[in-house]
Amino acid sequence: MKYLITGLGNIGDEYANTRHNIGFIAADALAQEAEAEFKSERYASVTKIRYRGKILVVIKPATFMNLSGKAVRYWMEKENIPAERILIITDDIALAAGSLRMRKKGGDGGHNGLENIIMTLGTEAFPRLRIGIGNEFSKGYQSDYVLSKWTTEEEKIMIPKMKTAIEMVKSFVVRGIDMTMTDFNNK
């Protein structure tokens, strides 16, 4: 059985280690733990990981955040993976830095990447792992905030959370979303 794990972010050195790229950071951590390497393919950097009899197709879209749906749809169709077996890993300003929440479905919450995925797939019914990045910005400066680098204090919070994010991904593919939400959300 295959799963599509998509870490959202923007390509390019100028976006590396920014709050908006936490999905890429989580995807990199997952690949690193599995000793897998990404390679550039159509619309994304891709790696495949085997875990407990499952195949995880892990992608980092190369379409930039606002067009993430194009890469997600392409890889869903290419690998024949239904929406319930995709997991989008994304940043969320509505959650405190380091908070992790998995959901079965939902709106875009003002997130352009999620908005494009919803529009492209024609549904809000797909799992997502939301990683809180906080909202310490003045009104009108959201874009600057999400595209800026982590502070030293934030890195101390976020780096250990990547291990938990990886455990949540593994739980999702082996135990399902309901058990994963019960075990990890609000903890």
C-alpha atoms as a PDB file:
ATOM      1  CA  MET A   1       0.000   0.000   0.000  1.00  0.00           C
ATOM      2  CA  LYS A   2       1.301   3.447  -0.943  1.00  0.00           C
ATOM      3  CA  TYR A   3       1.031   6.781   0.836  1.00  0.00           C
ATOM      4  CA  LEU A   4       1.893  10.238  -0.469  1.00  0.00           C
ATOM      5  CA  ILE A   5       3.618  12.344   2.165  1.00  0.00           C
ATOM      6  CA  THR A   6       3.946  15.967   1.007  1.00  0.00           C
ATOM      7  CA  GLY A   7       6.018  18.519   2.860  1.00  0.00           C
ATOM      8  CA  LEU A   8       5.044  22.032   1.792  1.00  0.00           C
ATOM      9  CA  GLY A   9       7.606  24.763   1.241  1.00  0.00           C
ATOM     10  CA  ASN A  10       9.307  26.931  -1.325  1.00  0.00           C
ATOM     11  CA  ILE A  11      12.360  25.912  -3.331  1.00  0.00           C
ATOM     12  CA  GLY A  12      15.512  28.010  -3.312  1.00  0.00           C
ATOM     13  CA  ASP A  13      18.230  28.891  -0.842  1.00  0.00           C
ATOM     14  CA  GLU A  14      16.499  32.134   0.136  1.00  0.00           C
ATOM     15  CA  TYR A  15      13.627  30.076   1.621  1.00  0.00           C
ATOM     16  CA  ALA A  16      15.738  27.467   3.433  1.00  0.00           C
ATOM     17  CA  ASN A  17      15.075  27.344   7.186  1.00  0.00           C
ATOM     18  CA  THR A  18      12.134  29.738   7.025  1.00  0.00           C
ATOM     19  CA  ARG A  19       8.930  29.207   8.971  1.00  0.00           C
ATOM     20  CA  HIS A  20       6.935  28.594   5.774  1.00  0.00           C
ATOM     21  CA  ASN A  21       9.283  25.716   4.868  1.00  0.00           C
ATOM     22  CA  ILE A  22       8.611  23.592   7.940  1.00  0.00           C
ATOM     23  CA  GLY A  23       6.950  21.003   5.674  1.00  0.00           C
ATOM     24  CA  PHE A  24      10.200  20.635   3.709  1.00  0.00           C
ATOM     25  CA  ILE A  25      12.125  20.387   6.987  1.00  0.00           C
ATOM     26  CA  ALA A  26       9.836  17.597   8.220  1.00  0.00           C
ATOM     27  CA  ALA A  27      10.096  15.738   4.879  1.00  0.00           C
ATOM     28  CA  ASP A  28      13.895  16.039   5.044  1.00  0.00           C
ATOM     29  CA  ALA A  29      13.899  14.683   8.619  1.00  0.00           C
ATOM     30  CA  LEU A  30      11.745  11.715   7.548  1.00  0.00           C
ATOM     31  CA  ALA A  31      14.068  10.940   4.627  1.00  0.00           C
ATOM     32  CA  GLN A  32      17.189  11.371   6.752  1.00  0.00           C
ATOM     33  CA  GLU A  33      15.919   8.919   9.378  1.00  0.00           C
ATOM     34  CA  ALA A  34      15.254   6.360   6.614  1.00  0.00           C
ATOM     35  CA  GLU A  35      18.645   7.126   5.000  1.00  0.00           C
ATOM     36  CA  ALA A  36      16.810   8.023   1.800  1.00  0.00           C
ATOM     37  CA  GLU A  37      17.789  10.744  -0.649  1.00  0.00           C
ATOM     38  CA  PHE A  38      15.587  13.040  -2.651  1.00  0.00           C
ATOM     39  CA  LYS A  39      15.996  13.305  -6.390  1.00  0.00           C
ATOM     40  CA  SER A  40      14.536  15.905  -8.687  1.00  0.00           C
ATOM     41  CA  GLU A  41      11.593  14.585 -10.678  1.00  0.00           C
ATOM     42  CA  ARG A  42       8.533  16.101 -12.302  1.00  0.00           C
ATOM     43  CA  TYR A  43       7.077  18.901 -10.144  1.00  0.00           C
ATOM     44  CA  ALA A  44       8.918  17.772  -6.999  1.00  0.00           C
ATOM     45  CA  SER A  45      11.933  16.374  -5.229  1.00  0.00           C
ATOM     46  CA  VAL A  46      10.959  12.765  -4.487  1.00  0.00           C
ATOM     47  CA  THR A  47      12.102   9.844  -2.396  1.00  0.00           C
ATOM     48  CA  LYS A  48      10.470   6.520  -1.589  1.00  0.00           C
ATOM     49  CA  ILE A  49      10.681   4.939   1.834  1.00  0.00           C
ATOM     50  CA  ARG A  50       9.576   1.476   2.901  1.00  0.00           C
ATOM     51  CA  TYR A  51       8.109   1.294   6.387  1.00  0.00           C
ATOM     52  CA  ARG A  52       6.374  -1.769   7.853  1.00  0.00           C
ATOM     53  CA  GLY A  53       5.229  -3.071   4.488  1.00  0.00           C
ATOM     54  CA  LYS A  54       4.057   0.328   3.273  1.00  0.00           C
ATOM     55  CA  ILE A  55       5.612   2.543   0.621  1.00  0.00           C
ATOM     56  CA  LEU A  56       5.841   6.222   1.473  1.00  0.00           C
ATOM     57  CA  VAL A  57       6.258   8.431  -1.581  1.00  0.00           C
ATOM     58  CA  VAL A  58       7.670  11.579   0.034  1.00  0.00           C
ATOM     59  CA  ILE A  59       7.644  14.757  -2.036  1.00  0.00           C
ATOM     60  CA  LYS A  60       8.721  18.351  -1.695  1.00  0.00           C
ATOM     61  CA  PRO A  61       6.892  20.267  -4.445  1.00  0.00           C
ATOM     62  CA  ALA A  62       9.085  22.315  -6.785  1.00  0.00           C
ATOM     63  CA  THR A  63       6.087  24.362  -7.875  1.00  0.00           C
ATOM     64  CA  PHE A  64       6.402  26.942  -5.078  1.00  0.00           C
ATOM     65  CA  MET A  65       3.907  27.053  -2.252  1.00  0.00           C
ATOM     66  CA  ASN A  66       1.057  28.746  -4.114  1.00  0.00           C
ATOM     67  CA  LEU A  67       0.954  26.006  -6.777  1.00  0.00           C
ATOM     68  CA  SER A  68       1.471  22.975  -4.510  1.00  0.00           C
ATOM     69  CA  GLY A  69      -1.722  21.329  -5.757  1.00  0.00           C
ATOM     70  CA  LYS A  70      -0.162  20.697  -9.165  1.00  0.00           C
ATOM     71  CA  ALA A  71       2.581  18.515  -7.650  1.00  0.00           C
ATOM     72  CA  VAL A  72       0.209  16.769  -5.232  1.00  0.00           C
ATOM     73  CA  ARG A  73      -2.285  15.880  -7.970  1.00  0.00           C
ATOM     74  CA  TYR A  74       0.448  14.716 -10.351  1.00  0.00           C
ATOM     75  CA  TRP A  75       2.030  12.366  -7.779  1.00  0.00           C
ATOM     76  CA  MET A  76      -1.343  11.098  -6.548  1.00  0.00           C
ATOM     77  CA  GLU A  77      -2.235  10.142 -10.107  1.00  0.00           C
ATOM     78  CA  LYS A  78       1.224   8.821 -11.024  1.00  0.00           C
ATOM     79  CA  GLU A  79       1.404   6.575  -7.956  1.00  0.00           C
ATOM     80  CA  ASN A  80      -2.362   5.827  -7.879  1.00  0.00           C
ATOM     81  CA  ILE A  81      -2.804   7.075  -4.301  1.00  0.00           C
ATOM     82  CA  PRO A  82      -6.287   8.127  -3.110  1.00  0.00           C
ATOM     83  CA  ALA A  83      -6.868  11.335  -1.124  1.00  0.00           C
ATOM     84  CA  GLU A  84      -7.320   9.490   2.182  1.00  0.00           C
ATOM     85  CA  ARG A  85      -3.750   8.154   1.889  1.00  0.00           C
ATOM     86  CA  ILE A  86      -2.071  11.501   1.324  1.00  0.00           C
ATOM     87  CA  LEU A  87      -0.685  13.560   4.179  1.00  0.00           C
ATOM     88  CA  ILE A  88       0.145  17.214   3.702  1.00  0.00           C
ATOM     89  CA  ILE A  89       2.692  18.591   6.190  1.00  0.00           C
ATOM     90  CA  THR A  90       2.332  22.335   6.516  1.00  0.00           C
ATOM     91  CA  ASP A  91       3.029  25.338   8.703  1.00  0.00           C
ATOM     92  CA  ASP A  92       0.183  26.923  10.660  1.00  0.00           C
ATOM     93  CA  ILE A  93       0.239  30.396  12.201  1.00  0.00           C
ATOM     94  CA  ALA A  94      -2.902  29.624  14.232  1.00  0.00           C
ATOM     95  CA  LEU A  95      -0.914  27.164  16.374  1.00  0.00           C
ATOM     96  CA  ALA A  96       1.796  28.023  18.891  1.00  0.00           C
ATOM     97  CA  ALA A  97       5.346  27.325  17.732  1.00  0.00           C
ATOM     98  CA  GLY A  98       6.023  23.607  18.037  1.00  0.00           C
ATOM     99  CA  SER A  99       2.391  22.505  18.348  1.00  0.00           C
ATOM    100  CA  LEU A 100       1.512  19.522  16.172  1.00  0.00           C
ATOM    101  CA  ARG A 101      -2.034  18.709  15.033  1.00  0.00           C
ATOM    102  CA  MET A 102      -3.281  16.122  12.573  1.00  0.00           C
ATOM    103  CA  ARG A 103      -6.664  16.543  10.911  1.00  0.00           C
ATOM    104  CA  LYS A 104      -8.703  14.454   8.465  1.00  0.00           C
ATOM    105  CA  LYS A 105      -9.925  17.458   6.516  1.00  0.00           C
ATOM    106  CA  GLY A 106     -10.538  21.166   6.791  1.00  0.00           C
ATOM    107  CA  GLY A 107     -10.312  24.525   5.142  1.00  0.00           C
ATOM    108  CA  ASP A 108      -7.168  26.322   4.094  1.00  0.00           C
ATOM    109  CA  GLY A 109      -6.971  28.607   7.147  1.00  0.00           C
ATOM    110  CA  GLY A 110      -5.590  31.352   4.914  1.00  0.00           C
ATOM    111  CA  HIS A 111      -2.675  29.136   3.814  1.00  0.00           C
ATOM    112  CA  ASN A 112      -2.021  29.591   0.082  1.00  0.00           C
ATOM    113  CA  GLY A 113      -0.505  26.129  -0.364  1.00  0.00           C
ATOM    114  CA  LEU A 114      -3.504  24.410   1.212  1.00  0.00           C
ATOM    115  CA  GLU A 115      -5.854  26.669  -0.724  1.00  0.00           C
ATOM    116  CA  ASN A 116      -4.254  25.577  -4.010  1.00  0.00           C
ATOM    117  CA  ILE A 117      -4.334  21.889  -3.051  1.00  0.00           C
ATOM    118  CA  ILE A 118      -8.026  22.145  -2.123  1.00  0.00           C
ATOM    119  CA  MET A 119      -8.796  23.959  -5.366  1.00  0.00           C
ATOM    120  CA  THR A 120      -6.774  21.519  -7.496  1.00  0.00           C
ATOM    121  CA  LEU A 121      -8.133  18.351  -5.875  1.00  0.00           C
ATOM    122  CA  GLY A 122     -11.655  19.736  -5.593  1.00  0.00           C
ATOM    123  CA  THR A 123     -11.967  18.633  -1.958  1.00  0.00           C
ATOM    124  CA  GLU A 124     -10.995  19.601   1.572  1.00  0.00           C
ATOM    125  CA  ALA A 125     -11.141  15.930   2.599  1.00  0.00           C
ATOM    126  CA  PHE A 126      -7.484  14.998   2.825  1.00  0.00           C
ATOM    127  CA  PRO A 127      -5.305  14.481   5.908  1.00  0.00           C
ATOM    128  CA  ARG A 128      -2.857  17.135   7.002  1.00  0.00           C
ATOM    129  CA  LEU A 129      -0.264  17.514   9.729  1.00  0.00           C
ATOM    130  CA  ARG A 130      -0.202  21.126  10.851  1.00  0.00           C
ATOM    131  CA  ILE A 131       2.966  22.352  12.530  1.00  0.00           C
ATOM    132  CA  GLY A 132       2.551  25.488  14.579  1.00  0.00           C
ATOM    133  CA  ILE A 133       4.899  28.363  13.809  1.00  0.00           C
ATOM    134  CA  GLY A 134       3.235  30.950  16.030  1.00  0.00           C
ATOM    135  CA  ASN A 135       1.973  34.357  15.023  1.00  0.00           C
ATOM    136  CA  GLU A 136       4.401  36.874  16.469  1.00  0.00           C
ATOM    137  CA  PHE A 137       3.911  39.485  13.765  1.00  0.00           C
ATOM    138  CA  SER A 138       2.264  42.863  13.442  1.00  0.00           C
ATOM    139  CA  LYS A 139      -0.905  43.230  11.393  1.00  0.00           C
ATOM    140  CA  GLY A 140      -0.067  43.296   7.703  1.00  0.00           C
ATOM    141  CA  TYR A 141       3.286  41.529   8.134  1.00  0.00           C
ATOM    142  CA  GLN A 142       2.210  37.891   7.947  1.00  0.00           C
ATOM    143  CA  SER A 143       4.082  37.276   4.689  1.00  0.00           C
ATOM    144  CA  ASP A 144       7.304  38.723   6.091  1.00  0.00           C
ATOM    145  CA  TYR A 145       6.906  36.596   9.218  1.00  0.00           C
ATOM    146  CA  VAL A 146       6.330  33.239   7.513  1.00  0.00           C
ATOM    147  CA  LEU A 147       9.113  33.860   4.997  1.00  0.00           C
ATOM    148  CA  SER A 148      11.674  34.836   7.638  1.00  0.00           C
ATOM    149  CA  LYS A 149      14.240  32.569   9.288  1.00  0.00           C
ATOM    150  CA  TRP A 150      13.752  30.863  12.639  1.00  0.00           C
ATOM    151  CA  THR A 151      15.050  32.616  15.729  1.00  0.00           C
ATOM    152  CA  THR A 152      17.503  30.703  17.923  1.00  0.00           C
ATOM    153  CA  GLU A 153      14.762  30.296  20.534  1.00  0.00           C
ATOM    154  CA  GLU A 154      12.331  28.914  17.945  1.00  0.00           C
ATOM    155  CA  GLU A 155      14.926  26.432  16.656  1.00  0.00           C
ATOM    156  CA  LYS A 156      15.322  25.078  20.192  1.00  0.00           C
ATOM    157  CA  ILE A 157      11.574  24.375  20.193  1.00  0.00           C
ATOM    158  CA  MET A 158      11.171  23.175  16.605  1.00  0.00           C
ATOM    159  CA  ILE A 159      14.129  20.827  16.100  1.00  0.00           C
ATOM    160  CA  PRO A 160      12.988  18.309  18.756  1.00  0.00           C
ATOM    161  CA  LYS A 161       9.438  18.481  17.354  1.00  0.00           C
ATOM    162  CA  MET A 162      10.611  16.983  14.049  1.00  0.00           C
ATOM    163  CA  LYS A 163      11.089  13.643  15.809  1.00  0.00           C
ATOM    164  CA  THR A 164       7.465  13.786  16.985  1.00  0.00           C
ATOM    165  CA  ALA A 165       6.318  14.791  13.498  1.00  0.00           C
ATOM    166  CA  ILE A 166       8.087  11.722  12.062  1.00  0.00           C
ATOM    167  CA  GLU A 167       6.396   9.502  14.657  1.00  0.00           C
ATOM    168  CA  MET A 168       3.041  10.989  13.666  1.00  0.00           C
ATOM    169  CA  VAL A 169       3.683  10.228   9.983  1.00  0.00           C
ATOM    170  CA  LYS A 170       4.621   6.626  10.823  1.00  0.00           C
ATOM    171  CA  SER A 171       1.556   6.234  13.032  1.00  0.00           C
ATOM    172  CA  PHE A 172      -0.653   7.641  10.267  1.00  0.00           C
ATOM    173  CA  VAL A 173       0.527   5.040   7.734  1.00  0.00           C
ATOM    174  CA  VAL A 174       0.468   2.078  10.119  1.00  0.00           C
ATOM    175  CA  ARG A 175      -2.343   2.792  12.608  1.00  0.00           C
ATOM    176  CA  GLY A 176      -4.498   5.270  10.685  1.00  0.00           C
ATOM    177  CA  ILE A 177      -5.495   8.863  11.208  1.00  0.00           C
ATOM    178  CA  ASP A 178      -8.008   8.344  14.021  1.00  0.00           C
ATOM    179  CA  MET A 179      -5.563   6.553  16.325  1.00  0.00           C
ATOM    180  CA  THR A 180      -2.836   9.040  15.436  1.00  0.00           C
ATOM    181  CA  MET A 181      -5.049  12.012  16.284  1.00  0.00           C
ATOM    182  CA  THR A 182      -6.048  10.375  19.576  1.00  0.00           C
ATOM    183  CA  ASP A 183      -2.451   9.597  20.528  1.00  0.00           C
ATOM    184  CA  PHE A 184      -0.762  12.828  19.457  1.00  0.00           C
ATOM    185  CA  ASN A 185      -3.195  15.764  19.191  1.00  0.00           C
ATOM    186  CA  ASN A 186      -3.419  18.094  22.173  1.00  0.00           C
ATOM    187  CA  LYS A 187      -0.454  16.473  23.911  1.00  0.00           C
END
